[in-house]
Amino acid sequence: CLHDAVKNVYWLMIQESKTVLVSSSTDNGISWSKPQPLVVQSTFDFVKPAVGHGIQIDSSLCKSAENCPHGRLLVPSVCQGTGDRVDTETLYSCVVFSDDSGSHWQLGGHAQPHSREVTLVQTPNNSASLYLNERNVSPTPGHRFTSRSYDAGESLQDFEVDNALVEPVTGNWTGVVASMCRFDNDQRLRIIYTSPLKTNERAIMGVRISYDEGQTWKDPKIVDANFAGYSDVQRLNSTTVGILYEHGKQTFADSIGFMTVGMDWLE
């Protein structure tokens, strides 16, 4: 889901088989437009939205108005397949964006091979810069992939592995969907990150904070010590974040829960 704060429109993308449907709401989700197929020109076989939320470019995070497309909508996505091959080497984290309030969508940059669902935040810079944090389904999994964009998602570069951020590798699943959001105030800039902390199973949901735009991370705080899987974190107000996540006592997918966490406790 993605909120266009300029137009006050919510956008929702839903995958049905190899079709992605797009719907919008102008009344805060009370009603939704008739879903329409997402049309994106691409050389990939399939472009689909990642699990989680999108963002909108905010000119207040750009030091210069040049190369800062205020209001651009960005959807973290997965680009899949080139030709007959369908394996993790043909999976790429990627970005879909719109500069006309969702009327048309374009494919932006893609990350390294073997990357999958991605979460992203805008970072302060002269231009509209992004930090992307990606699920790693490579032959050497267990730590998150990262990349950067310096043109509001049109291209990605600086491909790295963040050895400080583990993700679970199990007999059935490689990696997990993690989440990020910004939490800035007059005193400090922050990125909030949520993901399971165990390396061999989807369990123990943790929250980390970065004060340097994803270069380093504070030790995590545990918010759920049971099984836990996918998550989505968002700022709710000036003191609190909300976390929507899979969790359970028998498996990581017993139910979907929601919790609020105060920033005073996280810090």
Protein backbone atom coordinates (compact mmCIF):
# COMPACT_ATOMS: atom_id res chain seq x y z
CA CYS A 1 0.00 0.00 0.00
CA LEU A 2 1.17 3.54 -0.74
CA HIS A 3 -0.13 6.94 0.38
CA ASP A 4 0.10 9.89 -2.01
CA ALA A 5 0.18 12.71 0.55
CA VAL A 6 0.08 15.37 -2.18
CA LYS A 7 -3.27 14.15 -3.57
CA ASN A 8 -4.40 12.27 -0.43
CA VAL A 9 -4.89 9.05 -2.40
CA TYR A 10 -4.08 5.55 -1.21
CA TRP A 11 -2.80 3.04 -3.77
CA LEU A 12 -3.02 -0.73 -3.42
CA MET A 13 -1.35 -3.32 -5.67
CA ILE A 14 -2.42 -6.96 -5.48
CA GLN A 15 -0.85 -9.87 -7.35
CA GLU A 16 -3.19 -12.45 -8.90
CA SER A 17 -1.13 -15.15 -10.62
CA LYS A 18 1.02 -13.24 -13.15
CA THR A 19 -1.23 -10.18 -13.17
CA VAL A 20 -0.86 -7.20 -10.83
CA LEU A 21 -4.03 -5.24 -10.14
CA VAL A 22 -3.99 -1.59 -9.04
CA SER A 23 -6.74 0.12 -7.05
CA SER A 24 -6.99 3.49 -5.32
CA SER A 25 -8.98 5.09 -2.53
CA THR A 26 -9.77 8.77 -1.99
CA ASP A 27 -11.69 8.25 1.27
CA ASN A 28 -9.02 6.69 3.51
CA GLY A 29 -9.79 3.12 2.45
CA ILE A 30 -13.56 3.15 2.94
CA SER A 31 -14.06 2.44 -0.77
CA TRP A 32 -11.74 1.48 -3.62
CA SER A 33 -11.74 2.01 -7.36
CA LYS A 34 -12.26 -0.92 -9.72
CA PRO A 35 -8.91 -2.76 -9.97
CA GLN A 36 -7.01 -2.25 -13.20
CA PRO A 37 -4.01 -4.22 -14.50
CA LEU A 38 -0.64 -2.63 -13.79
CA VAL A 39 1.07 -1.71 -17.06
CA VAL A 40 4.86 -1.37 -16.88
CA GLN A 41 7.17 -1.55 -19.91
CA SER A 42 9.93 -4.00 -19.06
CA THR A 43 12.32 -6.58 -20.48
CA PHE A 44 11.62 -8.80 -17.46
CA ASP A 45 9.05 -11.57 -17.68
CA PHE A 46 7.19 -10.37 -14.61
CA VAL A 47 7.26 -7.28 -12.38
CA LYS A 48 5.33 -7.59 -9.12
CA PRO A 49 5.05 -5.48 -5.97
CA ALA A 50 7.02 -6.58 -2.94
CA VAL A 51 5.25 -7.18 0.36
CA GLY A 52 5.03 -3.98 2.41
CA HIS A 53 4.58 -0.27 1.80
CA GLY A 54 5.81 2.22 -0.77
CA ILE A 55 7.00 5.77 -0.22
CA GLN A 56 6.72 9.22 -1.77
CA ILE A 57 9.66 11.50 -2.53
CA ASP A 58 9.76 14.35 0.00
CA SER A 59 11.56 17.51 -1.14
CA SER A 60 12.36 18.41 2.49
CA LEU A 61 14.97 15.62 2.43
CA CYS A 62 16.64 17.10 -0.67
CA LYS A 63 19.19 19.86 -0.13
CA SER A 64 18.55 21.09 -3.66
CA ALA A 65 15.32 21.21 -5.66
CA GLU A 66 17.27 20.05 -8.70
CA ASN A 67 16.99 16.31 -9.33
CA CYS A 68 14.34 16.02 -6.62
CA PRO A 69 11.00 14.95 -8.15
CA HIS A 70 8.77 15.93 -5.22
CA GLY A 71 5.68 13.74 -5.05
CA ARG A 72 7.11 10.80 -7.01
CA LEU A 73 5.48 7.54 -5.91
CA LEU A 74 7.83 4.58 -5.37
CA VAL A 75 6.74 0.95 -5.06
CA PRO A 76 9.35 -1.60 -3.92
CA SER A 77 9.03 -4.52 -6.33
CA VAL A 78 10.48 -7.79 -7.58
CA CYS A 79 11.59 -8.23 -11.19
CA GLN A 80 11.60 -11.85 -12.27
CA GLY A 81 12.88 -13.91 -15.17
CA THR A 82 14.61 -13.21 -18.45
CA GLY A 83 13.75 -15.74 -21.12
CA ASP A 84 13.33 -19.40 -20.21
CA ARG A 85 15.31 -19.26 -16.96
CA VAL A 86 13.35 -19.05 -13.74
CA ASP A 87 15.68 -19.30 -10.75
CA THR A 88 17.06 -17.00 -8.06
CA GLU A 89 19.74 -15.70 -10.45
CA THR A 90 16.96 -14.09 -12.47
CA LEU A 91 15.33 -12.47 -9.42
CA TYR A 92 16.07 -8.81 -8.76
CA SER A 93 14.80 -6.30 -6.23
CA CYS A 94 13.55 -3.36 -8.27
CA VAL A 95 11.55 -0.14 -8.12
CA VAL A 96 8.36 0.93 -9.91
CA PHE A 97 7.54 4.64 -9.85
CA SER A 98 4.98 7.19 -11.00
CA ASP A 99 5.43 10.92 -11.61
CA ASP A 100 1.79 11.64 -12.44
CA SER A 101 0.02 10.59 -9.25
CA GLY A 102 -0.45 6.99 -10.30
CA SER A 103 -1.90 7.51 -13.79
CA HIS A 104 1.13 5.81 -15.35
CA TRP A 105 3.86 3.61 -13.85
CA GLN A 106 7.45 3.10 -14.97
CA LEU A 107 10.17 0.61 -14.12
CA GLY A 108 13.16 2.11 -12.34
CA GLY A 109 16.43 0.47 -11.35
CA HIS A 110 17.08 -3.07 -10.22
CA ALA A 111 19.53 -4.48 -7.69
CA GLN A 112 21.95 -7.40 -7.82
CA PRO A 113 20.88 -10.92 -8.90
CA HIS A 114 19.49 -13.20 -6.19
CA SER A 115 17.74 -10.28 -4.46
CA ARG A 116 13.99 -10.44 -3.89
CA GLU A 117 11.48 -8.46 -1.78
CA VAL A 118 12.89 -5.04 -0.89
CA THR A 119 12.09 -2.24 1.53
CA LEU A 120 13.25 1.32 0.95
CA VAL A 121 13.51 4.78 2.51
CA GLN A 122 14.51 8.18 1.19
CA THR A 123 17.76 9.54 2.60
CA PRO A 124 18.87 13.18 2.99
CA ASN A 125 21.13 14.28 0.14
CA ASN A 126 21.55 16.92 -2.54
CA SER A 127 19.29 14.85 -4.80
CA ALA A 128 16.47 12.40 -4.12
CA SER A 129 18.49 9.50 -2.71
CA LEU A 130 17.27 6.12 -1.52
CA TYR A 131 18.56 3.35 0.74
CA LEU A 132 17.25 -0.11 -0.19
CA ASN A 133 17.40 -3.20 2.01
CA GLU A 134 16.78 -6.49 0.20
CA ARG A 135 15.99 -10.13 0.89
CA ASN A 136 18.99 -12.30 -0.01
CA VAL A 137 18.13 -15.58 -1.77
CA SER A 138 21.64 -16.12 -3.15
CA PRO A 139 23.76 -19.27 -2.75
CA THR A 140 25.29 -17.53 0.30
CA PRO A 141 22.21 -16.29 2.20
CA GLY A 142 21.76 -15.25 5.81
CA HIS A 143 22.57 -11.52 5.62
CA ARG A 144 20.70 -8.70 3.95
CA PHE A 145 21.61 -7.22 0.57
CA THR A 146 21.65 -3.41 0.30
CA SER A 147 21.85 -0.84 -2.47
CA ARG A 148 21.53 2.90 -3.04
CA SER A 149 19.90 5.20 -5.55
CA TYR A 150 20.89 8.81 -6.23
CA ASP A 151 18.20 9.55 -8.81
CA ALA A 152 14.95 8.79 -6.98
CA GLY A 153 14.93 5.12 -7.92
CA GLU A 154 15.64 5.33 -11.66
CA SER A 155 18.89 3.40 -11.16
CA LEU A 156 20.47 1.43 -8.30
CA GLN A 157 24.14 1.04 -7.36
CA ASP A 158 26.50 0.46 -4.40
CA PHE A 159 25.47 -3.20 -4.07
CA GLU A 160 26.62 -4.63 -0.75
CA VAL A 161 25.92 -7.26 1.92
CA ASP A 162 25.20 -5.94 5.42
CA ASN A 163 26.76 -8.49 7.76
CA ALA A 164 25.16 -6.77 10.77
CA LEU A 165 21.66 -7.66 9.57
CA VAL A 166 20.94 -11.38 9.74
CA GLU A 167 17.90 -13.05 8.24
CA PRO A 168 16.69 -16.60 8.81
CA VAL A 169 17.55 -19.50 6.54
CA THR A 170 15.45 -22.60 7.18
CA GLY A 171 14.84 -25.90 5.47
CA ASN A 172 11.85 -24.39 3.67
CA TRP A 173 12.59 -20.68 3.35
CA THR A 174 15.57 -18.50 2.44
CA GLY A 175 15.44 -15.02 3.92
CA VAL A 176 12.38 -13.03 4.88
CA VAL A 177 10.45 -9.85 4.19
CA ALA A 178 11.82 -7.11 6.46
CA SER A 179 10.68 -3.50 6.71
CA MET A 180 11.97 0.05 7.23
CA CYS A 181 10.58 3.51 7.81
CA ARG A 182 11.98 6.94 8.62
CA PHE A 183 11.49 8.45 12.06
CA ASP A 184 12.96 11.96 12.03
CA ASN A 185 12.49 14.89 14.36
CA ASP A 186 14.30 18.14 15.06
CA GLN A 187 16.90 16.40 17.19
CA ARG A 188 17.84 13.35 15.13
CA LEU A 189 17.43 11.46 11.85
CA ARG A 190 16.60 7.76 12.13
CA ILE A 191 15.76 4.67 10.10
CA ILE A 192 13.70 2.01 11.89
CA TYR A 193 14.18 -1.62 10.75
CA THR A 194 12.17 -4.74 11.69
CA SER A 195 13.01 -8.39 11.04
CA PRO A 196 13.30 -11.76 12.83
CA LEU A 197 16.59 -12.12 14.72
CA LYS A 198 17.10 -15.90 14.67
CA THR A 199 19.35 -17.26 11.93
CA ASN A 200 17.87 -20.75 11.52
CA GLU A 201 14.12 -20.15 11.93
CA ARG A 202 11.61 -17.36 11.57
CA ALA A 203 11.43 -16.28 15.19
CA ILE A 204 12.12 -13.42 17.64
CA MET A 205 10.95 -10.18 16.02
CA GLY A 206 13.45 -7.40 16.58
CA VAL A 207 13.62 -3.66 15.94
CA ARG A 208 16.82 -1.80 15.12
CA ILE A 209 17.64 1.89 14.68
CA SER A 210 20.20 3.46 12.38
CA TYR A 211 21.36 7.03 12.96
CA ASP A 212 23.62 7.15 9.88
CA GLU A 213 21.27 6.22 7.03
CA GLY A 214 21.81 2.47 7.20
CA GLN A 215 25.59 2.44 7.52
CA THR A 216 25.45 1.01 11.06
CA TRP A 217 22.70 -0.28 13.34
CA LYS A 218 22.03 -0.11 17.05
CA ASP A 219 21.64 -3.44 18.87
CA PRO A 220 18.08 -4.73 18.40
CA LYS A 221 15.23 -4.59 20.86
CA ILE A 222 13.06 -7.72 21.00
CA VAL A 223 9.34 -7.03 20.62
CA ASP A 224 8.13 -10.64 20.27
CA ALA A 225 10.15 -13.67 21.46
CA ASN A 226 7.91 -16.24 19.71
CA PHE A 227 7.86 -17.34 16.07
CA ALA A 228 7.66 -14.38 13.68
CA GLY A 229 7.99 -13.82 9.93
CA TYR A 230 7.16 -10.97 7.55
CA SER A 231 6.76 -7.47 8.98
CA ASP A 232 5.84 -3.93 7.98
CA VAL A 233 6.74 -0.93 10.16
CA GLN A 234 5.39 2.62 9.91
CA ARG A 235 5.63 5.81 11.92
CA LEU A 236 2.28 6.52 13.60
CA ASN A 237 2.96 9.82 15.35
CA SER A 238 5.76 11.81 16.98
CA THR A 239 6.45 9.14 19.63
CA THR A 240 5.35 5.77 18.24
CA VAL A 241 5.82 3.25 15.44
CA GLY A 242 3.37 0.52 14.47
CA ILE A 243 4.43 -2.97 13.42
CA LEU A 244 2.19 -5.32 11.42
CA TYR A 245 3.72 -8.80 11.39
CA GLU A 246 3.26 -12.56 11.13
CA HIS A 247 3.62 -14.39 14.44
CA GLY A 248 2.55 -17.36 16.52
CA LYS A 249 3.43 -19.89 19.21
CA GLN A 250 3.21 -22.91 16.91
CA THR A 251 4.46 -21.42 13.61
CA PHE A 252 5.49 -18.01 12.35
CA ALA A 253 2.26 -17.74 10.33
CA ASP A 254 -0.37 -18.63 12.94
CA SER A 255 -1.80 -15.12 12.76
CA ILE A 256 -1.12 -11.52 11.77
CA GLY A 257 -0.67 -9.15 14.68
CA PHE A 258 -0.22 -5.43 15.21
CA MET A 259 1.67 -3.69 17.99
CA THR A 260 2.71 -0.16 18.82
CA VAL A 261 6.18 0.57 20.15
CA GLY A 262 7.31 3.79 21.78
CA MET A 263 10.50 5.45 20.58
CA ASP A 264 11.53 6.22 24.15
CA TRP A 265 11.75 2.45 24.81
CA LEU A 266 13.52 1.68 21.53
CA GLU A 267 16.22 4.25 22.23
